[in-house]
Amino acid sequence: MTPEQEREQQHREKLASRLFSGRVDFLLSAPQLKFLPDPTVPEIAFCGRSNVGKSSLLNALTGRKAIARASVTPGRTQELNFFEVGDPLAFRLVDMPGYGFAKAPVKVVERWKNLVKSYLRGRQVLARNLVLVDSRHGLKDVDREMMKMLDEAAVGYRIVLTKTDKIKASTLDAVAAEVAEEARKHPAAHPQMHLTSAEKGMGIAALRAAVVEDALGQEWFSKG
Protein backbone atom coordinates (compact mmCIF):
# COMPACT_ATOMS: atom_id res chain seq x y z
CA MET A 1 0.00 0.00 0.00
CA THR A 2 1.41 3.39 -1.03
CA PRO A 3 1.60 6.31 1.45
CA GLU A 4 -1.31 7.95 -0.38
CA GLN A 5 -3.38 4.78 -0.12
CA GLU A 6 -2.53 4.51 3.58
CA ARG A 7 -3.73 8.08 4.18
CA GLU A 8 -6.92 7.36 2.27
CA GLN A 9 -7.53 4.21 4.31
CA GLN A 10 -6.93 6.08 7.57
CA HIS A 11 -9.41 8.74 6.43
CA ARG A 12 -12.01 6.05 5.66
CA GLU A 13 -11.49 4.35 9.00
CA LYS A 14 -11.81 7.66 10.86
CA LEU A 15 -15.11 8.53 9.16
CA ALA A 16 -16.50 5.03 9.68
CA SER A 17 -15.52 5.13 13.35
CA ARG A 18 -17.25 8.50 13.71
CA LEU A 19 -20.45 7.06 12.24
CA PHE A 20 -20.40 4.07 14.58
CA SER A 21 -19.66 6.30 17.58
CA GLY A 22 -23.10 7.82 17.07
CA ARG A 23 -26.43 6.06 17.38
CA VAL A 24 -26.35 2.26 17.24
CA ASP A 25 -29.51 0.71 18.66
CA PHE A 26 -31.09 -2.70 18.78
CA LEU A 27 -34.31 -2.61 16.75
CA LEU A 28 -35.99 -6.01 16.87
CA SER A 29 -35.67 -9.78 16.64
CA ALA A 30 -37.47 -11.50 13.78
CA PRO A 31 -38.31 -15.19 14.28
CA GLN A 32 -40.21 -15.18 10.97
CA LEU A 33 -40.07 -13.17 7.75
CA LYS A 34 -43.32 -11.38 8.56
CA PHE A 35 -41.56 -9.65 11.45
CA LEU A 36 -38.79 -8.12 9.31
CA PRO A 37 -38.54 -4.32 9.42
CA ASP A 38 -39.54 -2.37 6.32
CA PRO A 39 -36.73 -2.58 3.70
CA THR A 40 -35.98 1.15 3.72
CA VAL A 41 -32.19 1.16 4.18
CA PRO A 42 -29.24 -1.10 3.23
CA GLU A 43 -28.51 -4.09 5.46
CA ILE A 44 -25.23 -5.85 6.25
CA ALA A 45 -25.70 -9.37 7.61
CA PHE A 46 -23.32 -11.38 9.78
CA CYS A 47 -23.27 -15.17 9.76
CA GLY A 48 -20.97 -17.91 10.98
CA ARG A 49 -20.70 -21.16 12.87
CA SER A 50 -22.00 -21.19 16.40
CA ASN A 51 -19.33 -19.89 18.79
CA VAL A 52 -17.32 -18.26 15.98
CA GLY A 53 -17.27 -15.00 17.94
CA LYS A 54 -20.03 -13.20 16.05
CA SER A 55 -21.46 -11.34 19.04
CA SER A 56 -18.00 -10.27 20.18
CA LEU A 57 -17.18 -8.99 16.70
CA LEU A 58 -20.44 -7.02 16.51
CA ASN A 59 -19.69 -5.47 19.89
CA ALA A 60 -16.16 -4.53 18.80
CA LEU A 61 -17.35 -3.18 15.46
CA THR A 62 -19.97 -0.94 17.05
CA GLY A 63 -17.74 0.05 19.97
CA ARG A 64 -20.30 -1.24 22.47
CA LYS A 65 -19.72 -3.69 25.27
CA ALA A 66 -22.92 -5.68 25.01
CA ILE A 67 -25.09 -4.56 22.10
CA ALA A 68 -24.95 -8.16 20.88
CA ARG A 69 -25.10 -10.77 23.59
CA ALA A 70 -22.02 -12.96 23.70
CA SER A 71 -22.67 -16.45 24.98
CA VAL A 72 -20.62 -19.55 25.71
CA THR A 73 -23.65 -21.60 24.67
CA PRO A 74 -23.53 -22.23 20.90
CA GLY A 75 -26.76 -21.58 19.05
CA ARG A 76 -28.12 -18.92 21.37
CA THR A 77 -29.06 -16.57 18.51
CA GLN A 78 -32.17 -18.17 17.05
CA GLU A 79 -33.64 -15.20 15.21
CA LEU A 80 -32.58 -12.42 12.86
CA ASN A 81 -31.54 -9.57 15.14
CA PHE A 82 -31.55 -6.07 13.63
CA PHE A 83 -29.46 -3.10 14.79
CA GLU A 84 -29.82 0.42 13.42
CA VAL A 85 -26.78 2.61 12.72
CA GLY A 86 -26.82 6.39 12.34
CA ASP A 87 -29.06 9.34 13.15
CA PRO A 88 -30.69 9.82 10.75
CA LEU A 89 -30.78 6.09 10.07
CA ALA A 90 -28.03 5.11 7.59
CA PHE A 91 -28.15 1.29 7.50
CA ARG A 92 -28.82 -1.79 9.59
CA LEU A 93 -26.67 -4.65 10.84
CA VAL A 94 -28.28 -8.08 10.93
CA ASP A 95 -27.09 -10.78 13.33
CA MET A 96 -28.08 -14.11 11.80
CA PRO A 97 -28.52 -17.43 13.63
CA GLY A 98 -25.28 -19.35 14.07
CA TYR A 99 -25.06 -22.56 12.08
CA GLY A 100 -23.59 -25.93 12.99
CA PHE A 101 -23.35 -27.45 16.46
CA ALA A 102 -26.52 -25.63 17.59
CA LYS A 103 -27.84 -27.44 20.64
CA ALA A 104 -31.44 -27.44 19.55
CA PRO A 105 -34.05 -29.89 18.26
CA VAL A 106 -33.84 -30.79 14.58
CA LYS A 107 -37.14 -29.06 13.79
CA VAL A 108 -35.90 -25.83 15.38
CA VAL A 109 -32.64 -25.97 13.40
CA GLU A 110 -34.59 -26.53 10.19
CA ARG A 111 -36.76 -23.52 10.97
CA TRP A 112 -33.60 -21.41 11.41
CA LYS A 113 -32.24 -22.65 8.10
CA ASN A 114 -35.45 -21.84 6.25
CA LEU A 115 -35.57 -18.37 7.81
CA VAL A 116 -31.97 -17.65 6.78
CA LYS A 117 -32.42 -18.99 3.24
CA SER A 118 -35.61 -17.00 2.72
CA TYR A 119 -33.99 -13.82 4.04
CA LEU A 120 -30.91 -14.19 1.84
CA ARG A 121 -32.86 -14.90 -1.32
CA GLY A 122 -35.61 -12.34 -0.91
CA ARG A 123 -34.17 -9.32 0.89
CA GLN A 124 -33.56 -6.69 -1.78
CA VAL A 125 -31.83 -4.25 0.60
CA LEU A 126 -29.21 -6.82 1.68
CA ALA A 127 -26.01 -5.10 0.53
CA ARG A 128 -23.43 -7.58 1.78
CA ASN A 129 -23.04 -10.63 3.98
CA LEU A 130 -20.05 -11.23 6.23
CA VAL A 131 -19.14 -14.90 6.63
CA LEU A 132 -17.20 -15.29 9.87
CA VAL A 133 -14.66 -18.11 10.04
CA ASP A 134 -12.75 -19.12 13.16
CA SER A 135 -9.08 -18.73 12.23
CA ARG A 136 -8.16 -21.62 14.55
CA HIS A 137 -10.15 -24.08 12.43
CA GLY A 138 -10.40 -22.61 8.93
CA LEU A 139 -13.27 -23.46 6.62
CA LYS A 140 -15.58 -26.30 7.64
CA ASP A 141 -18.23 -28.00 5.54
CA VAL A 142 -20.97 -25.89 7.14
CA ASP A 143 -19.08 -22.75 6.04
CA ARG A 144 -18.83 -24.11 2.52
CA GLU A 145 -22.55 -24.84 2.58
CA MET A 146 -23.26 -21.23 3.54
CA MET A 147 -20.89 -19.92 0.86
CA LYS A 148 -22.62 -22.08 -1.75
CA MET A 149 -26.00 -20.81 -0.57
CA LEU A 150 -24.79 -17.21 -0.94
CA ASP A 151 -23.36 -17.95 -4.39
CA GLU A 152 -26.71 -19.38 -5.50
CA ALA A 153 -28.61 -16.42 -4.02
CA ALA A 154 -26.17 -14.03 -5.76
CA VAL A 155 -25.48 -12.31 -2.44
CA GLY A 156 -21.97 -10.85 -2.26
CA TYR A 157 -20.03 -11.70 0.88
CA ARG A 158 -16.77 -10.96 2.62
CA ILE A 159 -14.93 -13.65 4.57
CA VAL A 160 -13.82 -12.50 8.02
CA LEU A 161 -11.35 -14.57 10.02
CA THR A 162 -12.03 -14.21 13.74
CA LYS A 163 -9.94 -14.83 16.88
CA THR A 164 -6.66 -14.26 15.03
CA ASP A 165 -4.94 -13.50 18.33
CA LYS A 166 -5.45 -17.10 19.42
CA ILE A 167 -2.99 -18.68 16.97
CA LYS A 168 0.63 -18.17 15.90
CA ALA A 169 1.33 -15.72 13.08
CA SER A 170 2.78 -18.47 10.86
CA THR A 171 -0.30 -20.64 11.36
CA LEU A 172 -2.57 -17.67 10.66
CA ASP A 173 -0.75 -16.94 7.41
CA ALA A 174 -1.23 -20.54 6.30
CA VAL A 175 -4.92 -20.59 7.22
CA ALA A 176 -5.54 -17.23 5.54
CA ALA A 177 -3.82 -18.38 2.34
CA GLU A 178 -5.82 -21.61 2.30
CA VAL A 179 -9.15 -19.83 2.86
CA ALA A 180 -8.34 -17.17 0.25
CA GLU A 181 -7.47 -19.85 -2.31
CA GLU A 182 -10.78 -21.61 -1.77
CA ALA A 183 -12.74 -18.34 -1.75
CA ARG A 184 -11.45 -17.52 -5.23
CA LYS A 185 -13.54 -20.42 -6.52
CA HIS A 186 -16.75 -18.81 -5.27
CA PRO A 187 -18.32 -16.20 -7.58
CA ALA A 188 -20.02 -14.20 -4.80
CA ALA A 189 -16.96 -13.98 -2.53
CA HIS A 190 -15.32 -10.55 -2.25
CA PRO A 191 -11.60 -10.65 -3.11
CA GLN A 192 -10.67 -8.86 0.12
CA MET A 193 -10.52 -11.04 3.23
CA HIS A 194 -10.43 -9.56 6.74
CA LEU A 195 -8.32 -10.84 9.63
CA THR A 196 -9.74 -9.72 12.96
CA SER A 197 -9.55 -10.07 16.71
CA ALA A 198 -12.44 -8.63 18.68
CA GLU A 199 -10.46 -9.04 21.90
CA LYS A 200 -7.34 -7.22 20.69
CA GLY A 201 -9.02 -4.88 18.20
CA MET A 202 -6.99 -6.18 15.26
CA GLY A 203 -8.54 -5.46 11.88
CA ILE A 204 -11.67 -3.92 13.39
CA ALA A 205 -11.17 -0.40 11.99
CA ALA A 206 -10.60 -1.71 8.47
CA LEU A 207 -13.64 -3.98 8.67
CA ARG A 208 -15.73 -1.07 9.97
CA ALA A 209 -14.76 1.00 6.93
CA ALA A 210 -15.54 -1.92 4.62
CA VAL A 211 -18.99 -2.33 6.17
CA VAL A 212 -19.76 1.36 5.67
CA GLU A 213 -18.56 1.20 2.06
CA ASP A 214 -20.72 -1.87 1.37
CA ALA A 215 -23.75 -0.20 2.92
CA LEU A 216 -23.41 3.38 1.72
CA GLY A 217 -21.00 3.24 -1.21
CA GLN A 218 -17.48 4.56 -1.76
CA GLU A 219 -18.80 8.03 -2.49
CA TRP A 220 -20.00 8.39 1.12
CA PHE A 221 -16.40 8.88 2.28
CA SER A 222 -15.89 11.84 -0.02
CA LYS A 223 -18.68 13.69 1.77
CA GLY A 224 -16.94 13.50 5.15
C-alpha atoms as a PDB file:
ATOM      1  CA  MET A   1       0.000   0.000   0.000  1.00  0.00           C
ATOM      2  CA  THR A   2       1.410   3.394  -1.030  1.00  0.00           C
ATOM      3  CA  PRO A   3       1.600   6.313   1.447  1.00  0.00           C
ATOM      4  CA  GLU A   4      -1.306   7.947  -0.378  1.00  0.00           C
ATOM      5  CA  GLN A   5      -3.378   4.778  -0.116  1.00  0.00           C
ATOM      6  CA  GLU A   6      -2.530   4.511   3.581  1.00  0.00           C
ATOM      7  CA  ARG A   7      -3.727   8.081   4.183  1.00  0.00           C
ATOM      8  CA  GLU A   8      -6.925   7.361   2.268  1.00  0.00           C
ATOM      9  CA  GLN A   9      -7.533   4.207   4.306  1.00  0.00           C
ATOM     10  CA  GLN A  10      -6.933   6.077   7.570  1.00  0.00           C
ATOM     11  CA  HIS A  11      -9.408   8.735   6.429  1.00  0.00           C
ATOM     12  CA  ARG A  12     -12.008   6.053   5.655  1.00  0.00           C
ATOM     13  CA  GLU A  13     -11.490   4.354   9.002  1.00  0.00           C
ATOM     14  CA  LYS A  14     -11.814   7.660  10.861  1.00  0.00           C
ATOM     15  CA  LEU A  15     -15.107   8.534   9.156  1.00  0.00           C
ATOM     16  CA  ALA A  16     -16.500   5.030   9.682  1.00  0.00           C
ATOM     17  CA  SER A  17     -15.518   5.132  13.347  1.00  0.00           C
ATOM     18  CA  ARG A  18     -17.254   8.497  13.714  1.00  0.00           C
ATOM     19  CA  LEU A  19     -20.447   7.065  12.240  1.00  0.00           C
ATOM     20  CA  PHE A  20     -20.404   4.068  14.582  1.00  0.00           C
ATOM     21  CA  SER A  21     -19.660   6.298  17.576  1.00  0.00           C
ATOM     22  CA  GLY A  22     -23.105   7.824  17.070  1.00  0.00           C
ATOM     23  CA  ARG A  23     -26.433   6.063  17.377  1.00  0.00           C
ATOM     24  CA  VAL A  24     -26.345   2.258  17.241  1.00  0.00           C
ATOM     25  CA  ASP A  25     -29.506   0.714  18.657  1.00  0.00           C
ATOM     26  CA  PHE A  26     -31.087  -2.702  18.780  1.00  0.00           C
ATOM     27  CA  LEU A  27     -34.310  -2.613  16.749  1.00  0.00           C
ATOM     28  CA  LEU A  28     -35.989  -6.011  16.874  1.00  0.00           C
ATOM     29  CA  SER A  29     -35.666  -9.783  16.637  1.00  0.00           C
ATOM     30  CA  ALA A  30     -37.467 -11.496  13.784  1.00  0.00           C
ATOM     31  CA  PRO A  31     -38.307 -15.190  14.283  1.00  0.00           C
ATOM     32  CA  GLN A  32     -40.212 -15.178  10.968  1.00  0.00           C
ATOM     33  CA  LEU A  33     -40.075 -13.166   7.750  1.00  0.00           C
ATOM     34  CA  LYS A  34     -43.323 -11.378   8.562  1.00  0.00           C
ATOM     35  CA  PHE A  35     -41.556  -9.650  11.454  1.00  0.00           C
ATOM     36  CA  LEU A  36     -38.789  -8.125   9.311  1.00  0.00           C
ATOM     37  CA  PRO A  37     -38.542  -4.317   9.418  1.00  0.00           C
ATOM     38  CA  ASP A  38     -39.537  -2.372   6.319  1.00  0.00           C
ATOM     39  CA  PRO A  39     -36.734  -2.575   3.705  1.00  0.00           C
ATOM     40  CA  THR A  40     -35.982   1.145   3.716  1.00  0.00           C
ATOM     41  CA  VAL A  41     -32.187   1.158   4.184  1.00  0.00           C
ATOM     42  CA  PRO A  42     -29.244  -1.100   3.234  1.00  0.00           C
ATOM     43  CA  GLU A  43     -28.506  -4.088   5.458  1.00  0.00           C
ATOM     44  CA  ILE A  44     -25.227  -5.853   6.247  1.00  0.00           C
ATOM     45  CA  ALA A  45     -25.696  -9.369   7.612  1.00  0.00           C
ATOM     46  CA  PHE A  46     -23.320 -11.383   9.783  1.00  0.00           C
ATOM     47  CA  CYS A  47     -23.267 -15.169   9.763  1.00  0.00           C
ATOM     48  CA  GLY A  48     -20.973 -17.911  10.976  1.00  0.00           C
ATOM     49  CA  ARG A  49     -20.700 -21.158  12.872  1.00  0.00           C
ATOM     50  CA  SER A  50     -21.999 -21.189  16.404  1.00  0.00           C
ATOM     51  CA  ASN A  51     -19.333 -19.888  18.790  1.00  0.00           C
ATOM     52  CA  VAL A  52     -17.318 -18.260  15.985  1.00  0.00           C
ATOM     53  CA  GLY A  53     -17.272 -14.998  17.940  1.00  0.00           C
ATOM     54  CA  LYS A  54     -20.032 -13.204  16.048  1.00  0.00           C
ATOM     55  CA  SER A  55     -21.463 -11.335  19.041  1.00  0.00           C
ATOM     56  CA  SER A  56     -18.004 -10.266  20.182  1.00  0.00           C
ATOM     57  CA  LEU A  57     -17.178  -8.989  16.698  1.00  0.00           C
ATOM     58  CA  LEU A  58     -20.440  -7.023  16.510  1.00  0.00           C
ATOM     59  CA  ASN A  59     -19.691  -5.470  19.888  1.00  0.00           C
ATOM     60  CA  ALA A  60     -16.161  -4.530  18.796  1.00  0.00           C
ATOM     61  CA  LEU A  61     -17.352  -3.185  15.457  1.00  0.00           C
ATOM     62  CA  THR A  62     -19.972  -0.942  17.052  1.00  0.00           C
ATOM     63  CA  GLY A  63     -17.739   0.049  19.966  1.00  0.00           C
ATOM     64  CA  ARG A  64     -20.301  -1.242  22.470  1.00  0.00           C
ATOM     65  CA  LYS A  65     -19.720  -3.693  25.271  1.00  0.00           C
ATOM     66  CA  ALA A  66     -22.923  -5.679  25.008  1.00  0.00           C
ATOM     67  CA  ILE A  67     -25.088  -4.556  22.104  1.00  0.00           C
ATOM     68  CA  ALA A  68     -24.952  -8.157  20.880  1.00  0.00           C
ATOM     69  CA  ARG A  69     -25.103 -10.771  23.593  1.00  0.00           C
ATOM     70  CA  ALA A  70     -22.020 -12.957  23.701  1.00  0.00           C
ATOM     71  CA  SER A  71     -22.669 -16.451  24.982  1.00  0.00           C
ATOM     72  CA  VAL A  72     -20.616 -19.551  25.713  1.00  0.00           C
ATOM     73  CA  THR A  73     -23.645 -21.604  24.669  1.00  0.00           C
ATOM     74  CA  PRO A  74     -23.529 -22.234  20.895  1.00  0.00           C
ATOM     75  CA  GLY A  75     -26.760 -21.576  19.054  1.00  0.00           C
ATOM     76  CA  ARG A  76     -28.119 -18.918  21.368  1.00  0.00           C
ATOM     77  CA  THR A  77     -29.057 -16.571  18.511  1.00  0.00           C
ATOM     78  CA  GLN A  78     -32.173 -18.175  17.046  1.00  0.00           C
ATOM     79  CA  GLU A  79     -33.638 -15.199  15.214  1.00  0.00           C
ATOM     80  CA  LEU A  80     -32.583 -12.416  12.858  1.00  0.00           C
ATOM     81  CA  ASN A  81     -31.535  -9.569  15.140  1.00  0.00           C
ATOM     82  CA  PHE A  82     -31.551  -6.068  13.634  1.00  0.00           C
ATOM     83  CA  PHE A  83     -29.456  -3.103  14.787  1.00  0.00           C
ATOM     84  CA  GLU A  84     -29.818   0.422  13.418  1.00  0.00           C
ATOM     85  CA  VAL A  85     -26.780   2.610  12.718  1.00  0.00           C
ATOM     86  CA  GLY A  86     -26.818   6.386  12.340  1.00  0.00           C
ATOM     87  CA  ASP A  87     -29.059   9.336  13.150  1.00  0.00           C
ATOM     88  CA  PRO A  88     -30.694   9.817  10.747  1.00  0.00           C
ATOM     89  CA  LEU A  89     -30.779   6.092  10.068  1.00  0.00           C
ATOM     90  CA  ALA A  90     -28.028   5.108   7.591  1.00  0.00           C
ATOM     91  CA  PHE A  91     -28.154   1.294   7.499  1.00  0.00           C
ATOM     92  CA  ARG A  92     -28.821  -1.793   9.587  1.00  0.00           C
ATOM     93  CA  LEU A  93     -26.667  -4.652  10.842  1.00  0.00           C
ATOM     94  CA  VAL A  94     -28.281  -8.083  10.927  1.00  0.00           C
ATOM     95  CA  ASP A  95     -27.091 -10.775  13.326  1.00  0.00           C
ATOM     96  CA  MET A  96     -28.081 -14.113  11.795  1.00  0.00           C
ATOM     97  CA  PRO A  97     -28.517 -17.431  13.629  1.00  0.00           C
ATOM     98  CA  GLY A  98     -25.275 -19.352  14.070  1.00  0.00           C
ATOM     99  CA  TYR A  99     -25.059 -22.561  12.076  1.00  0.00           C
ATOM    100  CA  GLY A 100     -23.585 -25.934  12.988  1.00  0.00           C
ATOM    101  CA  PHE A 101     -23.354 -27.453  16.458  1.00  0.00           C
ATOM    102  CA  ALA A 102     -26.517 -25.627  17.587  1.00  0.00           C
ATOM    103  CA  LYS A 103     -27.836 -27.439  20.641  1.00  0.00           C
ATOM    104  CA  ALA A 104     -31.440 -27.436  19.554  1.00  0.00           C
ATOM    105  CA  PRO A 105     -34.046 -29.892  18.257  1.00  0.00           C
ATOM    106  CA  VAL A 106     -33.838 -30.791  14.582  1.00  0.00           C
ATOM    107  CA  LYS A 107     -37.138 -29.055  13.792  1.00  0.00           C
ATOM    108  CA  VAL A 108     -35.898 -25.830  15.381  1.00  0.00           C
ATOM    109  CA  VAL A 109     -32.638 -25.974  13.402  1.00  0.00           C
ATOM    110  CA  GLU A 110     -34.589 -26.535  10.185  1.00  0.00           C
ATOM    111  CA  ARG A 111     -36.756 -23.525  10.970  1.00  0.00           C
ATOM    112  CA  TRP A 112     -33.602 -21.406  11.415  1.00  0.00           C
ATOM    113  CA  LYS A 113     -32.235 -22.652   8.097  1.00  0.00           C
ATOM    114  CA  ASN A 114     -35.450 -21.841   6.253  1.00  0.00           C
ATOM    115  CA  LEU A 115     -35.569 -18.371   7.814  1.00  0.00           C
ATOM    116  CA  VAL A 116     -31.972 -17.648   6.776  1.00  0.00           C
ATOM    117  CA  LYS A 117     -32.415 -18.991   3.242  1.00  0.00           C
ATOM    118  CA  SER A 118     -35.612 -16.996   2.716  1.00  0.00           C
ATOM    119  CA  TYR A 119     -33.994 -13.821   4.040  1.00  0.00           C
ATOM    120  CA  LEU A 120     -30.907 -14.193   1.841  1.00  0.00           C
ATOM    121  CA  ARG A 121     -32.864 -14.900  -1.321  1.00  0.00           C
ATOM    122  CA  GLY A 122     -35.614 -12.343  -0.907  1.00  0.00           C
ATOM    123  CA  ARG A 123     -34.169  -9.322   0.886  1.00  0.00           C
ATOM    124  CA  GLN A 124     -33.556  -6.689  -1.784  1.00  0.00           C
ATOM    125  CA  VAL A 125     -31.827  -4.252   0.601  1.00  0.00           C
ATOM    126  CA  LEU A 126     -29.215  -6.824   1.676  1.00  0.00           C
ATOM    127  CA  ALA A 127     -26.015  -5.096   0.531  1.00  0.00           C
ATOM    128  CA  ARG A 128     -23.433  -7.579   1.779  1.00  0.00           C
ATOM    129  CA  ASN A 129     -23.037 -10.625   3.978  1.00  0.00           C
ATOM    130  CA  LEU A 130     -20.048 -11.229   6.225  1.00  0.00           C
ATOM    131  CA  VAL A 131     -19.135 -14.898   6.630  1.00  0.00           C
ATOM    132  CA  LEU A 132     -17.204 -15.291   9.870  1.00  0.00           C
ATOM    133  CA  VAL A 133     -14.663 -18.112  10.037  1.00  0.00           C
ATOM    134  CA  ASP A 134     -12.752 -19.122  13.163  1.00  0.00           C
ATOM    135  CA  SER A 135      -9.082 -18.732  12.227  1.00  0.00           C
ATOM    136  CA  ARG A 136      -8.163 -21.619  14.548  1.00  0.00           C
ATOM    137  CA  HIS A 137     -10.150 -24.075  12.432  1.00  0.00           C
ATOM    138  CA  GLY A 138     -10.396 -22.614   8.931  1.00  0.00           C
ATOM    139  CA  LEU A 139     -13.274 -23.459   6.615  1.00  0.00           C
ATOM    140  CA  LYS A 140     -15.582 -26.295   7.638  1.00  0.00           C
ATOM    141  CA  ASP A 141     -18.226 -28.003   5.542  1.00  0.00           C
ATOM    142  CA  VAL A 142     -20.972 -25.888   7.141  1.00  0.00           C
ATOM    143  CA  ASP A 143     -19.084 -22.748   6.044  1.00  0.00           C
ATOM    144  CA  ARG A 144     -18.830 -24.105   2.517  1.00  0.00           C
ATOM    145  CA  GLU A 145     -22.551 -24.845   2.579  1.00  0.00           C
ATOM    146  CA  MET A 146     -23.265 -21.230   3.538  1.00  0.00           C
ATOM    147  CA  MET A 147     -20.886 -19.920   0.856  1.00  0.00           C
ATOM    148  CA  LYS A 148     -22.620 -22.077  -1.746  1.00  0.00           C
ATOM    149  CA  MET A 149     -25.998 -20.807  -0.572  1.00  0.00           C
ATOM    150  CA  LEU A 150     -24.794 -17.210  -0.943  1.00  0.00           C
ATOM    151  CA  ASP A 151     -23.363 -17.954  -4.395  1.00  0.00           C
ATOM    152  CA  GLU A 152     -26.706 -19.380  -5.504  1.00  0.00           C
ATOM    153  CA  ALA A 153     -28.607 -16.425  -4.023  1.00  0.00           C
ATOM    154  CA  ALA A 154     -26.173 -14.029  -5.756  1.00  0.00           C
ATOM    155  CA  VAL A 155     -25.480 -12.307  -2.439  1.00  0.00           C
ATOM    156  CA  GLY A 156     -21.971 -10.853  -2.261  1.00  0.00           C
ATOM    157  CA  TYR A 157     -20.027 -11.704   0.880  1.00  0.00           C
ATOM    158  CA  ARG A 158     -16.767 -10.965   2.622  1.00  0.00           C
ATOM    159  CA  ILE A 159     -14.925 -13.650   4.569  1.00  0.00           C
ATOM    160  CA  VAL A 160     -13.825 -12.500   8.017  1.00  0.00           C
ATOM    161  CA  LEU A 161     -11.354 -14.572  10.015  1.00  0.00           C
ATOM    162  CA  THR A 162     -12.032 -14.206  13.741  1.00  0.00           C
ATOM    163  CA  LYS A 163      -9.941 -14.831  16.881  1.00  0.00           C
ATOM    164  CA  THR A 164      -6.664 -14.263  15.032  1.00  0.00           C
ATOM    165  CA  ASP A 165      -4.940 -13.495  18.333  1.00  0.00           C
ATOM    166  CA  LYS A 166      -5.453 -17.097  19.418  1.00  0.00           C
ATOM    167  CA  ILE A 167      -2.986 -18.677  16.968  1.00  0.00           C
ATOM    168  CA  LYS A 168       0.630 -18.167  15.902  1.00  0.00           C
ATOM    169  CA  ALA A 169       1.330 -15.725  13.077  1.00  0.00           C
ATOM    170  CA  SER A 170       2.776 -18.465  10.857  1.00  0.00           C
ATOM    171  CA  THR A 171      -0.297 -20.636  11.358  1.00  0.00           C
ATOM    172  CA  LEU A 172      -2.572 -17.669  10.665  1.00  0.00           C
ATOM    173  CA  ASP A 173      -0.747 -16.940   7.407  1.00  0.00           C
ATOM    174  CA  ALA A 174      -1.235 -20.537   6.303  1.00  0.00           C
ATOM    175  CA  VAL A 175      -4.917 -20.595   7.224  1.00  0.00           C
ATOM    176  CA  ALA A 176      -5.543 -17.231   5.537  1.00  0.00           C
ATOM    177  CA  ALA A 177      -3.822 -18.384   2.344  1.00  0.00           C
ATOM    178  CA  GLU A 178      -5.821 -21.612   2.304  1.00  0.00           C
ATOM    179  CA  VAL A 179      -9.150 -19.832   2.861  1.00  0.00           C
ATOM    180  CA  ALA A 180      -8.343 -17.175   0.253  1.00  0.00           C
ATOM    181  CA  GLU A 181      -7.471 -19.847  -2.306  1.00  0.00           C
ATOM    182  CA  GLU A 182     -10.781 -21.609  -1.765  1.00  0.00           C
ATOM    183  CA  ALA A 183     -12.738 -18.342  -1.752  1.00  0.00           C
ATOM    184  CA  ARG A 184     -11.448 -17.525  -5.234  1.00  0.00           C
ATOM    185  CA  LYS A 185     -13.536 -20.422  -6.521  1.00  0.00           C
ATOM    186  CA  HIS A 186     -16.752 -18.808  -5.265  1.00  0.00           C
ATOM    187  CA  PRO A 187     -18.319 -16.197  -7.576  1.00  0.00           C
ATOM    188  CA  ALA A 188     -20.015 -14.202  -4.800  1.00  0.00           C
ATOM    189  CA  ALA A 189     -16.960 -13.981  -2.533  1.00  0.00           C
ATOM    190  CA  HIS A 190     -15.324 -10.549  -2.252  1.00  0.00           C
ATOM    191  CA  PRO A 191     -11.601 -10.651  -3.106  1.00  0.00           C
ATOM    192  CA  GLN A 192     -10.669  -8.855   0.122  1.00  0.00           C
ATOM    193  CA  MET A 193     -10.524 -11.036   3.234  1.00  0.00           C
ATOM    194  CA  HIS A 194     -10.433  -9.556   6.737  1.00  0.00           C
ATOM    195  CA  LEU A 195      -8.319 -10.838   9.627  1.00  0.00           C
ATOM    196  CA  THR A 196      -9.740  -9.723  12.964  1.00  0.00           C
ATOM    197  CA  SER A 197      -9.547 -10.071  16.710  1.00  0.00           C
ATOM    198  CA  ALA A 198     -12.439  -8.626  18.682  1.00  0.00           C
ATOM    199  CA  GLU A 199     -10.460  -9.040  21.898  1.00  0.00           C
ATOM    200  CA  LYS A 200      -7.335  -7.221  20.689  1.00  0.00           C
ATOM    201  CA  GLY A 201      -9.018  -4.878  18.204  1.00  0.00           C
ATOM    202  CA  MET A 202      -6.986  -6.177  15.262  1.00  0.00           C
ATOM    203  CA  GLY A 203      -8.539  -5.458  11.877  1.00  0.00           C
ATOM    204  CA  ILE A 204     -11.668  -3.916  13.391  1.00  0.00           C
ATOM    205  CA  ALA A 205     -11.172  -0.397  11.992  1.00  0.00           C
ATOM    206  CA  ALA A 206     -10.599  -1.705   8.469  1.00  0.00           C
ATOM    207  CA  LEU A 207     -13.641  -3.976   8.669  1.00  0.00           C
ATOM    208  CA  ARG A 208     -15.732  -1.071   9.971  1.00  0.00           C
ATOM    209  CA  ALA A 209     -14.757   1.003   6.932  1.00  0.00           C
ATOM    210  CA  ALA A 210     -15.544  -1.918   4.616  1.00  0.00           C
ATOM    211  CA  VAL A 211     -18.995  -2.332   6.169  1.00  0.00           C
ATOM    212  CA  VAL A 212     -19.763   1.361   5.671  1.00  0.00           C
ATOM    213  CA  GLU A 213     -18.562   1.197   2.061  1.00  0.00           C
ATOM    214  CA  ASP A 214     -20.718  -1.869   1.374  1.00  0.00           C
ATOM    215  CA  ALA A 215     -23.755  -0.203   2.919  1.00  0.00           C
ATOM    216  CA  LEU A 216     -23.410   3.379   1.717  1.00  0.00           C
ATOM    217  CA  GLY A 217     -20.999   3.239  -1.211  1.00  0.00           C
ATOM    218  CA  GLN A 218     -17.484   4.560  -1.763  1.00  0.00           C
ATOM    219  CA  GLU A 219     -18.798   8.032  -2.490  1.00  0.00           C
ATOM    220  CA  TRP A 220     -19.997   8.393   1.118  1.00  0.00           C
ATOM    221  CA  PHE A 221     -16.400   8.876   2.282  1.00  0.00           C
ATOM    222  CA  SER A 222     -15.886  11.839  -0.024  1.00  0.00           C
ATOM    223  CA  LYS A 223     -18.677  13.694   1.770  1.00  0.00           C
ATOM    224  CA  GLY A 224     -16.941  13.497   5.149  1.00  0.00           C
END
